[in-house]
């Protein structure tokens, strides 16, 4: 997916990775994820262009999306986490010197 300056209502899909495909992932204060274009910014204010979807699920223009609006908030996908126990001295099998045969 990419952000481009050309007006379009669908995301720009490119088979090649370009500068328009780079996004900065930010976690907002309400734990939603925002995606800001690494290439484009507002000319006057320098504010970043954010990826956003309207009520119909169509891509909004980057210069119209603000980070405080719900259109730019995405729910992060939880990854499967493998929980491992920390090694402990209690879990190590105890070997005593008397159990080993003498050489």
PDB file of N, CA and C in Angstrom:
ATOM      1  N   UNK A   1       0.844  -1.157   0.000  1.00  0.00           N
ATOM      2  CA  UNK A   1       0.000   0.000   0.000  1.00  0.00           C
ATOM      3  C   UNK A   1       0.898   1.231   0.000  1.00  0.00           C
ATOM      4  N   UNK A   2       0.425   2.293  -0.608  1.00  0.00           N
ATOM      5  CA  UNK A   2       1.243   3.497  -0.717  1.00  0.00           C
ATOM      6  C   UNK A   2       0.360   4.735  -0.651  1.00  0.00           C
ATOM      7  N   UNK A   3       0.947   5.845  -0.316  1.00  0.00           N
ATOM      8  CA  UNK A   3       0.285   7.147  -0.354  1.00  0.00           C
ATOM      9  C   UNK A   3       0.841   7.876  -1.560  1.00  0.00           C
ATOM     10  N   UNK A   4      -0.045   8.444  -2.355  1.00  0.00           N
ATOM     11  CA  UNK A   4       0.431   9.207  -3.508  1.00  0.00           C
ATOM     12  C   UNK A   4      -0.307  10.535  -3.563  1.00  0.00           C
ATOM     13  N   UNK A   5       0.245  11.479  -4.284  1.00  0.00           N
ATOM     14  CA  UNK A   5      -0.378  12.794  -4.408  1.00  0.00           C
ATOM     15  C   UNK A   5      -1.547  12.776  -5.399  1.00  0.00           C
ATOM     16  N   UNK A   6      -1.627  11.766  -6.245  1.00  0.00           N
ATOM     17  CA  UNK A   6      -2.710  11.685  -7.225  1.00  0.00           C
ATOM     18  C   UNK A   6      -4.030  11.394  -6.507  1.00  0.00           C
ATOM     19  N   UNK A   7      -5.100  12.128  -6.842  1.00  0.00           N
ATOM     20  CA  UNK A   7      -6.383  11.885  -6.177  1.00  0.00           C
ATOM     21  C   UNK A   7      -6.981  10.555  -6.627  1.00  0.00           C
ATOM     22  N   UNK A   8      -7.235   9.689  -5.671  1.00  0.00           N
ATOM     23  CA  UNK A   8      -7.853   8.402  -5.982  1.00  0.00           C
ATOM     24  C   UNK A   8      -8.606   7.930  -4.755  1.00  0.00           C
ATOM     25  N   UNK A   9      -9.576   7.073  -4.959  1.00  0.00           N
ATOM     26  CA  UNK A   9     -10.409   6.605  -3.856  1.00  0.00           C
ATOM     27  C   UNK A   9     -10.033   5.199  -3.404  1.00  0.00           C
ATOM     28  N   UNK A  10      -9.018   4.630  -3.982  1.00  0.00           N
ATOM     29  CA  UNK A  10      -8.541   3.318  -3.553  1.00  0.00           C
ATOM     30  C   UNK A  10      -7.068   3.452  -3.203  1.00  0.00           C
ATOM     31  N   UNK A  11      -6.573   2.588  -2.325  1.00  0.00           N
ATOM     32  CA  UNK A  11      -5.145   2.688  -2.007  1.00  0.00           C
ATOM     33  C   UNK A  11      -4.293   2.378  -3.218  1.00  0.00           C
ATOM     34  N   UNK A  12      -3.178   3.040  -3.315  1.00  0.00           N
ATOM     35  CA  UNK A  12      -2.253   2.795  -4.418  1.00  0.00           C
ATOM     36  C   UNK A  12      -1.487   1.518  -4.108  1.00  0.00           C
ATOM     37  N   UNK A  13      -1.706   0.499  -4.899  1.00  0.00           N
ATOM     38  CA  UNK A  13      -1.020  -0.774  -4.707  1.00  0.00           C
ATOM     39  C   UNK A  13       0.089  -0.885  -5.735  1.00  0.00           C
ATOM     40  N   UNK A  14       1.266  -1.168  -5.262  1.00  0.00           N
ATOM     41  CA  UNK A  14       2.418  -1.244  -6.143  1.00  0.00           C
ATOM     42  C   UNK A  14       3.147  -2.555  -5.906  1.00  0.00           C
ATOM     43  N   UNK A  15       3.564  -3.241  -6.979  1.00  0.00           N
ATOM     44  CA  UNK A  15       4.324  -4.480  -6.772  1.00  0.00           C
ATOM     45  C   UNK A  15       5.745  -4.212  -6.281  1.00  0.00           C
ATOM     46  N   UNK A  16       6.188  -2.961  -6.374  1.00  0.00           N
ATOM     47  CA  UNK A  16       7.544  -2.601  -5.964  1.00  0.00           C
ATOM     48  C   UNK A  16       7.485  -1.695  -4.737  1.00  0.00           C
ATOM     49  N   UNK A  17       8.439  -1.863  -3.847  1.00  0.00           N
ATOM     50  CA  UNK A  17       8.524  -1.024  -2.657  1.00  0.00           C
ATOM     51  C   UNK A  17       9.145   0.310  -3.041  1.00  0.00           C
ATOM     52  N   UNK A  18       8.401   1.386  -2.826  1.00  0.00           N
ATOM     53  CA  UNK A  18       8.885   2.727  -3.141  1.00  0.00           C
ATOM     54  C   UNK A  18       8.853   3.582  -1.874  1.00  0.00           C
ATOM     55  N   UNK A  19       9.281   4.825  -1.992  1.00  0.00           N
ATOM     56  CA  UNK A  19       9.262   5.744  -0.850  1.00  0.00           C
ATOM     57  C   UNK A  19       7.836   6.035  -0.395  1.00  0.00           C
ATOM     58  N   UNK A  20       6.875   5.932  -1.312  1.00  0.00           N
ATOM     59  CA  UNK A  20       5.479   6.164  -0.958  1.00  0.00           C
ATOM     60  C   UNK A  20       4.895   5.026  -0.125  1.00  0.00           C
ATOM     61  N   UNK A  21       5.587   3.905  -0.055  1.00  0.00           N
ATOM     62  CA  UNK A  21       5.125   2.737   0.704  1.00  0.00           C
ATOM     63  C   UNK A  21       5.613   2.746   2.151  1.00  0.00           C
ATOM     64  N   UNK A  22       6.411   3.719   2.525  1.00  0.00           N
ATOM     65  CA  UNK A  22       6.971   3.756   3.882  1.00  0.00           C
ATOM     66  C   UNK A  22       6.044   4.521   4.811  1.00  0.00           C
ATOM     67  N   UNK A  23       5.697   3.879   5.932  1.00  0.00           N
ATOM     68  CA  UNK A  23       4.852   4.494   6.940  1.00  0.00           C
ATOM     69  C   UNK A  23       5.534   4.413   8.292  1.00  0.00           C
ATOM     70  N   UNK A  24       5.263   5.397   9.113  1.00  0.00           N
ATOM     71  CA  UNK A  24       5.746   5.387  10.489  1.00  0.00           C
ATOM     72  C   UNK A  24       4.576   4.923  11.347  1.00  0.00           C
ATOM     73  N   UNK A  25       4.783   3.865  12.108  1.00  0.00           N
ATOM     74  CA  UNK A  25       3.730   3.332  12.964  1.00  0.00           C
ATOM     75  C   UNK A  25       3.833   3.999  14.331  1.00  0.00           C
ATOM     76  N   UNK A  26       2.740   4.593  14.787  1.00  0.00           N
ATOM     77  CA  UNK A  26       2.718   5.286  16.075  1.00  0.00           C
ATOM     78  C   UNK A  26       1.597   4.702  16.925  1.00  0.00           C
ATOM     79  N   UNK A  27       1.838   4.581  18.218  1.00  0.00           N
ATOM     80  CA  UNK A  27       0.792   4.148  19.140  1.00  0.00           C
ATOM     81  C   UNK A  27       0.241   5.402  19.803  1.00  0.00           C
ATOM     82  N   UNK A  28      -1.068   5.617  19.626  1.00  0.00           N
ATOM     83  CA  UNK A  28      -1.720   6.807  20.164  1.00  0.00           C
ATOM     84  C   UNK A  28      -2.021   6.590  21.640  1.00  0.00           C
ATOM     85  N   UNK A  29      -2.411   7.645  22.348  1.00  0.00           N
ATOM     86  CA  UNK A  29      -2.621   7.572  23.793  1.00  0.00           C
ATOM     87  C   UNK A  29      -3.750   6.624  24.194  1.00  0.00           C
ATOM     88  N   UNK A  30      -4.670   6.311  23.288  1.00  0.00           N
ATOM     89  CA  UNK A  30      -5.746   5.374  23.590  1.00  0.00           C
ATOM     90  C   UNK A  30      -5.422   3.961  23.088  1.00  0.00           C
ATOM     91  N   UNK A  31      -4.156   3.699  22.812  1.00  0.00           N
ATOM     92  CA  UNK A  31      -3.609   2.406  22.383  1.00  0.00           C
ATOM     93  C   UNK A  31      -4.021   2.000  20.975  1.00  0.00           C
ATOM     94  N   UNK A  32      -4.596   2.907  20.199  1.00  0.00           N
ATOM     95  CA  UNK A  32      -4.824   2.633  18.791  1.00  0.00           C
ATOM     96  C   UNK A  32      -3.526   2.891  18.039  1.00  0.00           C
ATOM     97  N   UNK A  33      -3.429   2.323  16.839  1.00  0.00           N
ATOM     98  CA  UNK A  33      -2.225   2.480  16.029  1.00  0.00           C
ATOM     99  C   UNK A  33      -2.518   3.456  14.896  1.00  0.00           C
ATOM    100  N   UNK A  34      -1.590   4.374  14.648  1.00  0.00           N
ATOM    101  CA  UNK A  34      -1.680   5.337  13.553  1.00  0.00           C
ATOM    102  C   UNK A  34      -0.556   5.061  12.574  1.00  0.00           C
ATOM    103  N   UNK A  35      -0.824   5.293  11.291  1.00  0.00           N
ATOM    104  CA  UNK A  35       0.202   5.129  10.262  1.00  0.00           C
ATOM    105  C   UNK A  35       0.387   6.463   9.558  1.00  0.00           C
ATOM    106  N   UNK A  36       1.576   7.048   9.694  1.00  0.00           N
ATOM    107  CA  UNK A  36       1.899   8.335   9.081  1.00  0.00           C
ATOM    108  C   UNK A  36       2.836   8.102   7.905  1.00  0.00           C
ATOM    109  N   UNK A  37       2.605   8.831   6.835  1.00  0.00           N
ATOM    110  CA  UNK A  37       3.470   8.726   5.665  1.00  0.00           C
ATOM    111  C   UNK A  37       4.861   9.237   6.017  1.00  0.00           C
ATOM    112  N   UNK A  38       5.873   8.480   5.639  1.00  0.00           N
ATOM    113  CA  UNK A  38       7.254   8.904   5.879  1.00  0.00           C
ATOM    114  C   UNK A  38       7.714   9.905   4.822  1.00  0.00           C
ATOM    115  N   UNK A  39       6.967  10.027   3.732  1.00  0.00           N
ATOM    116  CA  UNK A  39       7.375  10.881   2.619  1.00  0.00           C
ATOM    117  C   UNK A  39       6.652  12.225   2.600  1.00  0.00           C
ATOM    118  N   UNK A  40       5.333  12.192   2.795  1.00  0.00           N
ATOM    119  CA  UNK A  40       4.536  13.406   2.616  1.00  0.00           C
ATOM    120  C   UNK A  40       4.196  14.079   3.938  1.00  0.00           C
ATOM    121  N   UNK A  41       4.166  15.427   3.887  1.00  0.00           N
ATOM    122  CA  UNK A  41       3.766  16.263   5.024  1.00  0.00           C
ATOM    123  C   UNK A  41       2.996  17.459   4.478  1.00  0.00           C
ATOM    124  N   UNK A  42       2.264  18.143   5.368  1.00  0.00           N
ATOM    125  CA  UNK A  42       1.590  19.377   4.981  1.00  0.00           C
ATOM    126  C   UNK A  42       2.650  20.419   4.626  1.00  0.00           C
ATOM    127  N   UNK A  43       2.416  21.181   3.589  1.00  0.00           N
ATOM    128  CA  UNK A  43       3.405  22.175   3.141  1.00  0.00           C
ATOM    129  C   UNK A  43       3.624  23.276   4.173  1.00  0.00           C
ATOM    130  N   UNK A  44       2.549  23.839   4.683  1.00  0.00           N
ATOM    131  CA  UNK A  44       2.678  24.992   5.588  1.00  0.00           C
ATOM    132  C   UNK A  44       3.025  24.585   7.015  1.00  0.00           C
ATOM    133  N   UNK A  45       2.268  23.649   7.567  1.00  0.00           N
ATOM    134  CA  UNK A  45       2.437  23.320   8.987  1.00  0.00           C
ATOM    135  C   UNK A  45       3.469  22.230   9.242  1.00  0.00           C
ATOM    136  N   UNK A  46       3.744  21.402   8.245  1.00  0.00           N
ATOM    137  CA  UNK A  46       4.675  20.299   8.441  1.00  0.00           C
ATOM    138  C   UNK A  46       4.044  19.096   9.118  1.00  0.00           C
ATOM    139  N   UNK A  47       2.694  19.129   9.296  1.00  0.00           N
ATOM    140  CA  UNK A  47       1.983  18.023   9.928  1.00  0.00           C
ATOM    141  C   UNK A  47       2.007  16.801   9.017  1.00  0.00           C
ATOM    142  N   UNK A  48       2.137  15.639   9.607  1.00  0.00           N
ATOM    143  CA  UNK A  48       2.226  14.396   8.833  1.00  0.00           C
ATOM    144  C   UNK A  48       0.890  14.041   8.194  1.00  0.00           C
ATOM    145  N   UNK A  49       0.951  13.306   7.096  1.00  0.00           N
ATOM    146  CA  UNK A  49      -0.236  12.742   6.467  1.00  0.00           C
ATOM    147  C   UNK A  49      -0.470  11.370   7.070  1.00  0.00           C
ATOM    148  N   UNK A  50      -1.687  11.135   7.534  1.00  0.00           N
ATOM    149  CA  UNK A  50      -2.029   9.865   8.166  1.00  0.00           C
ATOM    150  C   UNK A  50      -2.917   9.044   7.248  1.00  0.00           C
ATOM    151  N   UNK A  51      -2.793   7.747   7.362  1.00  0.00           N
ATOM    152  CA  UNK A  51      -3.646   6.822   6.631  1.00  0.00           C
ATOM    153  C   UNK A  51      -4.975   6.761   7.357  1.00  0.00           C
ATOM    154  N   UNK A  52      -6.085   6.904   6.632  1.00  0.00           N
ATOM    155  CA  UNK A  52      -7.399   6.894   7.259  1.00  0.00           C
ATOM    156  C   UNK A  52      -8.453   6.316   6.341  1.00  0.00           C
ATOM    157  N   UNK A  53      -9.511   5.766   6.943  1.00  0.00           N
ATOM    158  CA  UNK A  53     -10.639   5.196   6.208  1.00  0.00           C
ATOM    159  C   UNK A  53     -11.906   5.942   6.595  1.00  0.00           C
ATOM    160  N   UNK A  54     -12.784   6.222   5.604  1.00  0.00           N
ATOM    161  CA  UNK A  54     -14.046   6.881   5.913  1.00  0.00           C
ATOM    162  C   UNK A  54     -15.087   5.846   6.350  1.00  0.00           C
ATOM    163  N   UNK A  55     -16.341   6.284   6.543  1.00  0.00           N
ATOM    164  CA  UNK A  55     -17.393   5.398   7.053  1.00  0.00           C
ATOM    165  C   UNK A  55     -17.695   4.236   6.114  1.00  0.00           C
ATOM    166  N   UNK A  56     -17.469   4.421   4.827  1.00  0.00           N
ATOM    167  CA  UNK A  56     -17.716   3.360   3.847  1.00  0.00           C
ATOM    168  C   UNK A  56     -16.505   2.455   3.655  1.00  0.00           C
ATOM    169  N   UNK A  57     -15.406   2.735   4.332  1.00  0.00           N
ATOM    170  CA  UNK A  57     -14.206   1.916   4.218  1.00  0.00           C
ATOM    171  C   UNK A  57     -13.281   2.328   3.089  1.00  0.00           C
ATOM    172  N   UNK A  58     -13.541   3.491   2.505  1.00  0.00           N
ATOM    173  CA  UNK A  58     -12.676   3.981   1.432  1.00  0.00           C
ATOM    174  C   UNK A  58     -11.524   4.785   2.021  1.00  0.00           C
ATOM    175  N   UNK A  59     -10.426   4.820   1.308  1.00  0.00           N
ATOM    176  CA  UNK A  59      -9.246   5.552   1.756  1.00  0.00           C
ATOM    177  C   UNK A  59      -9.498   7.050   1.645  1.00  0.00           C
ATOM    178  N   UNK A  60      -9.148   7.775   2.705  1.00  0.00           N
ATOM    179  CA  UNK A  60      -9.298   9.230   2.714  1.00  0.00           C
ATOM    180  C   UNK A  60      -8.005   9.883   2.236  1.00  0.00           C
ATOM    181  N   UNK A  61      -8.099  11.128   1.791  1.00  0.00           N
ATOM    182  CA  UNK A  61      -6.905  11.874   1.400  1.00  0.00           C
ATOM    183  C   UNK A  61      -6.038  12.090   2.638  1.00  0.00           C
ATOM    184  N   UNK A  62      -4.746  11.894   2.474  1.00  0.00           N
ATOM    185  CA  UNK A  62      -3.829  11.998   3.603  1.00  0.00           C
ATOM    186  C   UNK A  62      -3.803  13.358   4.258  1.00  0.00           C
ATOM    187  N   UNK A  63      -4.009  14.418   3.459  1.00  0.00           N
ATOM    188  CA  UNK A  63      -3.966  15.761   4.035  1.00  0.00           C
ATOM    189  C   UNK A  63      -5.249  16.119   4.776  1.00  0.00           C
ATOM    190  N   UNK A  64      -6.275  15.271   4.708  1.00  0.00           N
ATOM    191  CA  UNK A  64      -7.544  15.519   5.395  1.00  0.00           C
ATOM    192  C   UNK A  64      -7.666  14.733   6.704  1.00  0.00           C
ATOM    193  N   UNK A  65      -6.771  13.813   6.939  1.00  0.00           N
ATOM    194  CA  UNK A  65      -6.859  12.942   8.114  1.00  0.00           C
ATOM    195  C   UNK A  65      -5.988  13.511   9.227  1.00  0.00           C
ATOM    196  N   UNK A  66      -6.590  13.677  10.392  1.00  0.00           N
ATOM    197  CA  UNK A  66      -5.846  14.140  11.564  1.00  0.00           C
ATOM    198  C   UNK A  66      -5.700  12.978  12.535  1.00  0.00           C
ATOM    199  N   UNK A  67      -4.644  13.008  13.331  1.00  0.00           N
ATOM    200  CA  UNK A  67      -4.378  11.880  14.221  1.00  0.00           C
ATOM    201  C   UNK A  67      -5.396  11.755  15.346  1.00  0.00           C
ATOM    202  N   UNK A  68      -6.150  12.811  15.623  1.00  0.00           N
ATOM    203  CA  UNK A  68      -7.145  12.746  16.690  1.00  0.00           C
ATOM    204  C   UNK A  68      -8.489  12.208  16.215  1.00  0.00           C
ATOM    205  N   UNK A  69      -8.680  12.036  14.924  1.00  0.00           N
ATOM    206  CA  UNK A  69      -9.948  11.554  14.376  1.00  0.00           C
ATOM    207  C   UNK A  69      -9.984  10.028  14.333  1.00  0.00           C
ATOM    208  N   UNK A  70     -11.164   9.478  14.513  1.00  0.00           N
ATOM    209  CA  UNK A  70     -11.336   8.021  14.540  1.00  0.00           C
ATOM    210  C   UNK A  70     -10.997   7.375  13.202  1.00  0.00           C
ATOM    211  N   UNK A  71     -11.034   8.133  12.114  1.00  0.00           N
ATOM    212  CA  UNK A  71     -10.733   7.586  10.789  1.00  0.00           C
ATOM    213  C   UNK A  71      -9.303   7.082  10.690  1.00  0.00           C
ATOM    214  N   UNK A  72      -8.417   7.601  11.519  1.00  0.00           N
ATOM    215  CA  UNK A  72      -7.000   7.228  11.464  1.00  0.00           C
ATOM    216  C   UNK A  72      -6.620   6.185  12.505  1.00  0.00           C
ATOM    217  N   UNK A  73      -7.561   5.798  13.366  1.00  0.00           N
ATOM    218  CA  UNK A  73      -7.249   4.866  14.451  1.00  0.00           C
ATOM    219  C   UNK A  73      -7.488   3.426  14.010  1.00  0.00           C
ATOM    220  N   UNK A  74      -6.467   2.619  14.124  1.00  0.00           N
ATOM    221  CA  UNK A  74      -6.554   1.209  13.769  1.00  0.00           C
ATOM    222  C   UNK A  74      -6.295   0.372  15.013  1.00  0.00           C
ATOM    223  N   UNK A  75      -6.993  -0.758  15.104  1.00  0.00           N
ATOM    224  CA  UNK A  75      -6.809  -1.662  16.237  1.00  0.00           C
ATOM    225  C   UNK A  75      -5.617  -2.556  15.931  1.00  0.00           C
ATOM    226  N   UNK A  76      -4.653  -2.621  16.830  1.00  0.00           N
ATOM    227  CA  UNK A  76      -3.488  -3.482  16.562  1.00  0.00           C
ATOM    228  C   UNK A  76      -3.875  -4.953  16.622  1.00  0.00           C
ATOM    229  N   UNK A  77      -3.274  -5.739  15.759  1.00  0.00           N
ATOM    230  CA  UNK A  77      -3.517  -7.181  15.747  1.00  0.00           C
ATOM    231  C   UNK A  77      -2.594  -7.818  16.778  1.00  0.00           C
ATOM    232  N   UNK A  78      -3.191  -8.599  17.656  1.00  0.00           N
ATOM    233  CA  UNK A  78      -2.401  -9.261  18.680  1.00  0.00           C
ATOM    234  C   UNK A  78      -1.664 -10.441  18.076  1.00  0.00           C
ATOM    235  N   UNK A  79      -0.420 -10.549  18.412  1.00  0.00           N
ATOM    236  CA  UNK A  79       0.393 -11.662  17.948  1.00  0.00           C
ATOM    237  C   UNK A  79       0.351 -12.770  18.979  1.00  0.00           C
ATOM    238  N   UNK A  80       0.502 -13.990  18.517  1.00  0.00           N
ATOM    239  CA  UNK A  80       0.536 -15.115  19.437  1.00  0.00           C
ATOM    240  C   UNK A  80       1.827 -15.025  20.242  1.00  0.00           C
ATOM    241  N   UNK A  81       1.674 -15.078  21.531  1.00  0.00           N
ATOM    242  CA  UNK A  81       2.822 -14.948  22.419  1.00  0.00           C
ATOM    243  C   UNK A  81       3.081 -16.289  23.076  1.00  0.00           C
ATOM    244  N   UNK A  82       4.290 -16.738  23.006  1.00  0.00           N
ATOM    245  CA  UNK A  82       4.675 -17.980  23.671  1.00  0.00           C
ATOM    246  C   UNK A  82       5.252 -17.616  25.033  1.00  0.00           C
ATOM    247  N   UNK A  83       4.643 -18.144  26.056  1.00  0.00           N
ATOM    248  CA  UNK A  83       5.099 -17.855  27.415  1.00  0.00           C
ATOM    249  C   UNK A  83       6.020 -18.977  27.874  1.00  0.00           C
ATOM    250  N   UNK A  84       7.201 -18.617  28.274  1.00  0.00           N
ATOM    251  CA  UNK A  84       8.176 -19.581  28.767  1.00  0.00           C
ATOM    252  C   UNK A  84       8.454 -19.289  30.233  1.00  0.00           C
ATOM    253  N   UNK A  85       8.703 -20.348  30.968  1.00  0.00           N
ATOM    254  CA  UNK A  85       9.096 -20.175  32.361  1.00  0.00           C
ATOM    255  C   UNK A  85      10.555 -19.798  32.435  1.00  0.00           C
ATOM    256  N   UNK A  86      10.864 -18.945  33.379  1.00  0.00           N
ATOM    257  CA  UNK A  86      12.266 -18.613  33.590  1.00  0.00           C
ATOM    258  C   UNK A  86      12.945 -19.784  34.271  1.00  0.00           C
ATOM    259  N   UNK A  87      14.178 -20.057  33.916  1.00  0.00           N
ATOM    260  CA  UNK A  87      14.875 -21.151  34.587  1.00  0.00           C
ATOM    261  C   UNK A  87      15.035 -20.840  36.073  1.00  0.00           C
ATOM    262  N   UNK A  88      14.903 -21.859  36.861  1.00  0.00           N
ATOM    263  CA  UNK A  88      15.003 -21.704  38.301  1.00  0.00           C
ATOM    264  C   UNK A  88      15.937 -22.765  38.855  1.00  0.00           C
ATOM    265  N   UNK A  89      16.546 -22.485  39.976  1.00  0.00           N
ATOM    266  CA  UNK A  89      17.413 -23.480  40.615  1.00  0.00           C
ATOM    267  C   UNK A  89      16.607 -24.667  41.115  1.00  0.00           C
ATOM    268  N   UNK A  90      15.325 -24.471  41.382  1.00  0.00           N
ATOM    269  CA  UNK A  90      14.482 -25.554  41.878  1.00  0.00           C
ATOM    270  C   UNK A  90      14.138 -26.553  40.777  1.00  0.00           C
ATOM    271  N   UNK A  91      14.216 -26.130  39.517  1.00  0.00           N
ATOM    272  CA  UNK A  91      13.861 -27.030  38.420  1.00  0.00           C
ATOM    273  C   UNK A  91      15.055 -27.808  37.879  1.00  0.00           C
ATOM    274  N   UNK A  92      16.265 -27.518  38.370  1.00  0.00           N
ATOM    275  CA  UNK A  92      17.470 -28.221  37.917  1.00  0.00           C
ATOM    276  C   UNK A  92      17.583 -29.526  38.691  1.00  0.00           C
ATOM    277  N   UNK A  93      17.730 -30.654  37.984  1.00  0.00           N
ATOM    278  CA  UNK A  93      17.858 -31.920  38.714  1.00  0.00           C
ATOM    279  C   UNK A  93      19.128 -31.916  39.555  1.00  0.00           C
ATOM    280  N   UNK A  94      18.967 -32.368  40.765  1.00  0.00           N
ATOM    281  CA  UNK A  94      20.088 -32.349  41.698  1.00  0.00           C
ATOM    282  C   UNK A  94      20.905 -33.622  41.550  1.00  0.00           C
ATOM    283  N   UNK A  95      22.194 -33.470  41.400  1.00  0.00           N
ATOM    284  CA  UNK A  95      23.093 -34.630  41.351  1.00  0.00           C
ATOM    285  C   UNK A  95      24.070 -34.505  42.502  1.00  0.00           C
ATOM    286  N   UNK A  96      24.187 -35.559  43.244  1.00  0.00           N
ATOM    287  CA  UNK A  96      25.102 -35.530  44.386  1.00  0.00           C
ATOM    288  C   UNK A  96      26.392 -36.243  44.012  1.00  0.00           C
ATOM    289  N   UNK A  97      27.508 -35.874  44.639  1.00  0.00           N
ATOM    290  CA  UNK A  97      28.785 -36.521  44.321  1.00  0.00           C
ATOM    291  C   UNK A  97      28.794 -38.002  44.693  1.00  0.00           C
ATOM    292  N   UNK A  98      27.974 -38.417  45.651  1.00  0.00           N
ATOM    293  CA  UNK A  98      27.975 -39.820  46.067  1.00  0.00           C
ATOM    294  C   UNK A  98      27.279 -40.714  45.051  1.00  0.00           C
ATOM    295  N   UNK A  99      26.433 -40.152  44.203  1.00  0.00           N
ATOM    296  CA  UNK A  99      25.723 -40.979  43.227  1.00  0.00           C
ATOM    297  C   UNK A  99      26.577 -41.315  42.018  1.00  0.00           C
ATOM    298  N   UNK A 100      27.683 -40.604  41.818  1.00  0.00           N
ATOM    299  CA  UNK A 100      28.572 -40.897  40.698  1.00  0.00           C
ATOM    300  C   UNK A 100      29.562 -41.985  41.114  1.00  0.00           C
ATOM    301  N   UNK A 101      29.819 -42.951  40.240  1.00  0.00           N
ATOM    302  CA  UNK A 101      30.822 -43.971  40.579  1.00  0.00           C
ATOM    303  C   UNK A 101      32.225 -43.377  40.561  1.00  0.00           C
ATOM    304  N   UNK A 102      33.050 -43.858  41.429  1.00  0.00           N
ATOM    305  CA  UNK A 102      34.433 -43.380  41.506  1.00  0.00           C
ATOM    306  C   UNK A 102      35.233 -43.935  40.351  1.00  0.00           C
ATOM    307  N   UNK A 103      36.159 -43.140  39.748  1.00  0.00           N
ATOM    308  CA  UNK A 103      36.953 -43.647  38.619  1.00  0.00           C
ATOM    309  C   UNK A 103      38.035 -44.582  39.027  1.00  0.00           C
TER     310      UNK A 103
END
